[in-house]
Amino acid sequence: MRPLSTIQQDVIKQFLMTRQENEESFFAHPSYQLEQELLHWITQANVDKAKIVLDKINNLERARLSSNPVRSLKNSLICSCTIFTRAIIKAGVISEYAFDLSDVYIREIEKMDSSQELKKLEYEMVITFIKAVRDYRRDPYQNDIVDKAIHYIHDHILQPISLTEVAEEANVSPNYLSSLFRKTVGISLIEYINRKKIEESKYFLEHTNSSLLDIALLFAFNDQSYYTALFRKYNGITPKKYRQLGSTTSNKNFSN
């Protein structure tokens, strides 16, 4: 039998010490059942049920993952982010999108310096991962062509998107896709693209200091005026006003 390395010995020593400390303080990790329940509601895209379970978990004492309380909470949230990522991939979210989302949130976690900010971010993270499931799971219309079109739009939301290229992806003619999409979804494909871009842009209004022009260009709109006009059309207020209000909810929930 090969001797244990120094690192392995240290890990075993730390494991035994932690186990003893937890037993002496009567600490128990949140149950596996609660964790699985939270993951279940995330994959089912149920925000209300997920929040209830997360409340239950947060009413319990968290594991001590560092001698520094804030660092410990950061480590805990990074662990949560990792399992959330795996859960939404299993629910049908494209892996690259899920991992990109995970990277963004881990960077956000590392930027924060207070427990209050981190706890607030945890709930936002759950909601965002659920939104990803809603956006990427098979559309409710059960139509393969429309499904392909919607997935293509979501994957290329930061790029200019034309009816022709979406039709090529779906392997149908532009005219056929246009007619089918309107009949199935209830709006034109171009309007769907614009609504989706506007909806996604809200994150940048809420969480960044990016200028309206930068956000407009990020989503491949020709200019700020056009972006503002579309935003007002779908939300009843300008993006500037939306940012000033500090809104975290949409006036109209547009997700599939």
Protein backbone atom coordinates (compact mmCIF):
# COMPACT_ATOMS: atom_id res chain seq x y z
CA MET A 1 0.00 0.00 0.00
CA ARG A 2 1.45 3.35 -1.07
CA PRO A 3 2.04 5.88 1.73
CA LEU A 4 -0.29 8.87 1.82
CA SER A 5 1.02 12.14 0.43
CA THR A 6 1.39 15.17 2.68
CA ILE A 7 -1.71 16.73 1.08
CA GLN A 8 -3.76 13.58 1.65
CA GLN A 9 -2.64 13.46 5.26
CA ASP A 10 -3.63 17.10 5.76
CA VAL A 11 -7.04 16.52 4.21
CA ILE A 12 -7.72 13.54 6.45
CA LYS A 13 -6.57 15.50 9.51
CA GLN A 14 -8.84 18.44 8.61
CA PHE A 15 -11.75 16.08 7.95
CA LEU A 16 -11.43 14.44 11.39
CA MET A 17 -11.09 17.82 13.13
CA THR A 18 -14.15 19.22 11.33
CA ARG A 19 -16.17 16.13 12.11
CA GLN A 20 -15.27 16.41 15.80
CA GLU A 21 -16.11 20.14 15.89
CA ASN A 22 -19.50 19.53 14.26
CA GLU A 23 -20.33 16.76 16.70
CA GLU A 24 -19.32 18.86 19.70
CA SER A 25 -21.42 21.81 18.54
CA PHE A 26 -24.34 19.55 17.50
CA PHE A 27 -24.06 20.99 13.97
CA ALA A 28 -25.75 19.16 11.12
CA HIS A 29 -25.61 20.12 7.46
CA PRO A 30 -28.91 20.97 5.75
CA SER A 31 -30.54 17.69 4.83
CA TYR A 32 -29.88 16.06 1.50
CA GLN A 33 -33.65 15.92 1.09
CA LEU A 34 -33.97 19.73 1.33
CA GLU A 35 -31.17 20.17 -1.18
CA GLN A 36 -32.82 17.77 -3.60
CA GLU A 37 -36.16 19.48 -3.09
CA LEU A 38 -34.61 22.84 -4.00
CA LEU A 39 -33.01 21.37 -7.11
CA HIS A 40 -36.33 19.78 -8.06
CA TRP A 41 -38.17 23.12 -7.98
CA ILE A 42 -35.37 24.80 -9.93
CA THR A 43 -35.63 22.19 -12.68
CA GLN A 44 -39.42 22.57 -12.61
CA ALA A 45 -38.99 26.36 -12.95
CA ASN A 46 -41.14 27.03 -9.88
CA VAL A 47 -39.87 30.23 -8.25
CA ASP A 48 -42.31 30.29 -5.34
CA LYS A 49 -41.62 26.71 -4.22
CA ALA A 50 -37.86 27.16 -4.66
CA LYS A 51 -37.92 30.27 -2.45
CA ILE A 52 -39.82 28.41 0.27
CA VAL A 53 -37.23 25.62 0.35
CA LEU A 54 -34.35 28.09 0.26
CA ASP A 55 -35.91 29.90 3.23
CA LYS A 56 -35.95 26.59 5.12
CA ILE A 57 -32.30 25.95 4.29
CA ASN A 58 -31.26 29.45 5.31
CA ASN A 59 -33.04 29.14 8.64
CA LEU A 60 -30.57 26.39 9.46
CA GLU A 61 -26.97 27.01 10.46
CA ARG A 62 -24.61 27.02 7.50
CA ALA A 63 -21.50 24.88 7.31
CA ARG A 64 -18.30 26.65 8.36
CA LEU A 65 -16.19 26.56 5.21
CA SER A 66 -13.68 29.18 6.32
CA SER A 67 -12.57 30.90 9.52
CA ASN A 68 -13.82 34.14 7.93
CA PRO A 69 -17.67 34.26 7.99
CA VAL A 70 -17.98 36.16 4.69
CA ARG A 71 -15.49 33.86 2.97
CA SER A 72 -17.39 30.88 4.37
CA LEU A 73 -20.66 32.19 2.92
CA LYS A 74 -18.99 32.85 -0.43
CA ASN A 75 -17.72 29.27 -0.53
CA SER A 76 -21.20 27.99 0.31
CA LEU A 77 -22.77 30.03 -2.50
CA ILE A 78 -20.16 28.85 -4.99
CA CYS A 79 -21.05 25.26 -4.06
CA SER A 80 -24.74 26.07 -4.58
CA CYS A 81 -24.00 27.71 -7.92
CA THR A 82 -22.20 24.56 -9.04
CA ILE A 83 -25.06 22.21 -8.22
CA PHE A 84 -27.61 24.64 -9.69
CA THR A 85 -25.59 24.61 -12.92
CA ARG A 86 -25.67 20.81 -13.12
CA ALA A 87 -29.39 20.80 -12.33
CA ILE A 88 -30.39 23.14 -15.14
CA ILE A 89 -28.20 21.26 -17.64
CA LYS A 90 -30.10 18.12 -16.67
CA ALA A 91 -33.33 20.09 -17.17
CA GLY A 92 -32.37 20.83 -20.77
CA VAL A 93 -30.35 24.04 -20.65
CA ILE A 94 -27.44 24.05 -23.09
CA SER A 95 -24.27 23.33 -21.11
CA GLU A 96 -22.25 26.26 -22.45
CA TYR A 97 -25.01 28.69 -21.49
CA ALA A 98 -25.30 27.13 -18.02
CA PHE A 99 -21.55 27.30 -17.44
CA ASP A 100 -21.41 30.91 -18.65
CA LEU A 101 -24.17 31.75 -16.18
CA SER A 102 -22.25 29.98 -13.44
CA ASP A 103 -19.07 31.92 -14.26
CA VAL A 104 -20.94 35.23 -14.05
CA TYR A 105 -22.41 34.45 -10.64
CA ILE A 106 -19.17 33.16 -9.18
CA ARG A 107 -17.50 36.42 -10.20
CA GLU A 108 -20.38 38.35 -8.61
CA ILE A 109 -20.01 36.31 -5.42
CA GLU A 110 -16.31 37.11 -5.26
CA LYS A 111 -16.95 40.84 -5.68
CA MET A 112 -19.20 41.14 -2.64
CA ASP A 113 -17.99 41.94 0.86
CA SER A 114 -21.04 41.61 3.08
CA SER A 115 -23.20 38.69 4.20
CA GLN A 116 -26.36 40.69 3.48
CA GLU A 117 -25.36 41.26 -0.14
CA LEU A 118 -24.45 37.61 -0.57
CA LYS A 119 -27.74 36.34 0.89
CA LYS A 120 -29.67 38.63 -1.46
CA LEU A 121 -27.58 37.39 -4.38
CA GLU A 122 -28.39 33.78 -3.51
CA TYR A 123 -32.11 34.34 -4.09
CA GLU A 124 -31.40 36.25 -7.30
CA MET A 125 -29.21 33.37 -8.44
CA VAL A 126 -32.03 30.86 -7.91
CA ILE A 127 -34.46 33.05 -9.87
CA THR A 128 -31.98 33.50 -12.74
CA PHE A 129 -31.27 29.78 -13.00
CA ILE A 130 -35.01 29.10 -13.04
CA LYS A 131 -35.42 31.69 -15.81
CA ALA A 132 -32.77 29.80 -17.81
CA VAL A 133 -34.80 26.61 -17.47
CA ARG A 134 -37.92 28.44 -18.65
CA ASP A 135 -36.06 29.89 -21.62
CA TYR A 136 -34.30 26.71 -22.71
CA ARG A 137 -36.60 23.82 -21.96
CA ARG A 138 -38.70 22.50 -24.81
CA ASP A 139 -41.27 25.09 -25.80
CA PRO A 140 -44.90 24.48 -24.79
CA TYR A 141 -46.05 24.42 -28.40
CA GLN A 142 -44.45 21.00 -28.98
CA ASN A 143 -43.34 21.98 -32.48
CA ASP A 144 -39.83 20.94 -33.53
CA ILE A 145 -39.39 23.75 -36.03
CA VAL A 146 -40.53 26.48 -33.63
CA ASP A 147 -38.45 24.85 -30.89
CA LYS A 148 -35.31 25.04 -33.02
CA ALA A 149 -36.04 28.65 -33.93
CA ILE A 150 -36.53 29.71 -30.29
CA HIS A 151 -33.37 27.95 -29.13
CA TYR A 152 -31.39 29.59 -31.91
CA ILE A 153 -32.71 33.02 -30.93
CA HIS A 154 -31.84 32.48 -27.26
CA ASP A 155 -28.33 31.26 -28.11
CA HIS A 156 -27.61 34.28 -30.35
CA ILE A 157 -29.48 36.96 -28.44
CA LEU A 158 -26.47 39.31 -28.39
CA GLN A 159 -26.08 39.13 -32.17
CA PRO A 160 -28.06 40.53 -35.09
CA ILE A 161 -30.64 37.85 -35.96
CA SER A 162 -32.52 37.66 -39.24
CA LEU A 163 -35.49 35.56 -40.29
CA THR A 164 -33.35 34.01 -43.04
CA GLU A 165 -30.64 32.69 -40.74
CA VAL A 166 -33.18 31.31 -38.24
CA ALA A 167 -34.98 29.59 -41.10
CA GLU A 168 -31.70 28.05 -42.25
CA GLU A 169 -31.10 26.71 -38.74
CA ALA A 170 -34.62 25.23 -38.68
CA ASN A 171 -34.12 23.86 -42.21
CA VAL A 172 -37.24 25.49 -43.66
CA SER A 173 -37.95 28.45 -45.93
CA PRO A 174 -38.22 31.93 -44.39
CA ASN A 175 -41.83 32.30 -45.57
CA TYR A 176 -42.86 28.98 -44.06
CA LEU A 177 -41.11 29.73 -40.75
CA SER A 178 -42.64 33.20 -40.58
CA SER A 179 -46.14 31.85 -41.09
CA LEU A 180 -45.69 28.89 -38.74
CA PHE A 181 -44.09 30.98 -35.98
CA ARG A 182 -46.88 33.56 -35.99
CA LYS A 183 -49.55 30.86 -36.03
CA THR A 184 -47.89 28.89 -33.21
CA VAL A 185 -46.54 31.62 -30.90
CA GLY A 186 -49.06 34.36 -31.64
CA ILE A 187 -46.53 37.02 -32.65
CA SER A 188 -44.07 37.38 -35.52
CA LEU A 189 -40.57 35.95 -35.22
CA ILE A 190 -39.01 39.42 -35.47
CA GLU A 191 -41.21 40.72 -32.66
CA TYR A 192 -40.25 37.70 -30.56
CA ILE A 193 -36.57 38.51 -31.12
CA ASN A 194 -37.07 42.15 -30.17
CA ARG A 195 -39.07 41.29 -27.05
CA LYS A 196 -36.47 38.76 -25.97
CA LYS A 197 -33.62 41.24 -26.47
CA ILE A 198 -35.46 43.90 -24.47
CA GLU A 199 -36.23 41.45 -21.68
CA GLU A 200 -32.60 40.29 -21.46
CA SER A 201 -31.35 43.88 -21.47
CA LYS A 202 -33.08 44.51 -18.14
CA TYR A 203 -30.36 42.61 -16.32
CA PHE A 204 -27.80 45.17 -17.48
CA LEU A 205 -30.06 48.05 -16.47
CA GLU A 206 -30.51 46.57 -13.01
CA HIS A 207 -27.02 45.29 -12.28
CA THR A 208 -24.52 47.39 -14.25
CA ASN A 209 -23.65 51.02 -14.83
CA SER A 210 -23.39 50.50 -18.58
CA SER A 211 -24.74 53.38 -20.64
CA LEU A 212 -27.96 52.94 -22.60
CA LEU A 213 -25.94 53.19 -25.80
CA ASP A 214 -23.60 50.40 -24.69
CA ILE A 215 -26.54 48.19 -23.77
CA ALA A 216 -28.25 48.92 -27.08
CA LEU A 217 -25.09 48.00 -28.98
CA LEU A 218 -24.55 44.90 -26.83
CA PHE A 219 -27.89 43.56 -28.05
CA ALA A 220 -27.13 44.54 -31.64
CA PHE A 221 -29.66 47.37 -31.90
CA ASN A 222 -28.70 50.00 -34.44
CA ASP A 223 -28.86 52.92 -32.03
CA GLN A 224 -30.00 54.00 -28.58
CA SER A 225 -33.16 55.68 -29.88
CA TYR A 226 -34.47 52.47 -31.45
CA TYR A 227 -33.66 50.51 -28.28
CA THR A 228 -35.46 53.10 -26.16
CA ALA A 229 -38.52 53.09 -28.44
CA LEU A 230 -38.79 49.28 -28.30
CA PHE A 231 -38.30 49.25 -24.54
CA ARG A 232 -41.10 51.79 -24.08
CA LYS A 233 -43.34 49.81 -26.44
CA TYR A 234 -43.03 46.58 -24.45
CA ASN A 235 -42.78 48.01 -20.92
CA GLY A 236 -44.61 51.33 -20.94
CA ILE A 237 -41.57 53.23 -19.65
CA THR A 238 -38.13 54.14 -20.98
CA PRO A 239 -35.04 52.12 -20.01
CA LYS A 240 -33.76 55.19 -18.16
CA LYS A 241 -36.93 55.33 -16.07
CA TYR A 242 -36.79 51.57 -15.49
CA ARG A 243 -33.27 51.90 -14.13
CA GLN A 244 -34.26 54.84 -11.92
CA LEU A 245 -37.13 52.85 -10.43
CA GLY A 246 -34.72 50.05 -9.63
CA SER A 247 -37.28 47.54 -10.82
CA THR A 248 -36.44 43.86 -10.49
CA THR A 249 -39.62 42.59 -12.10
CA SER A 250 -40.90 42.89 -15.63
CA ASN A 251 -44.12 44.70 -16.44
CA LYS A 252 -44.81 41.80 -18.70
CA ASN A 253 -43.36 38.36 -18.16
CA PHE A 254 -42.10 37.13 -21.51
CA SER A 255 -40.55 33.73 -21.22
CA ASN A 256 -41.20 30.32 -22.68
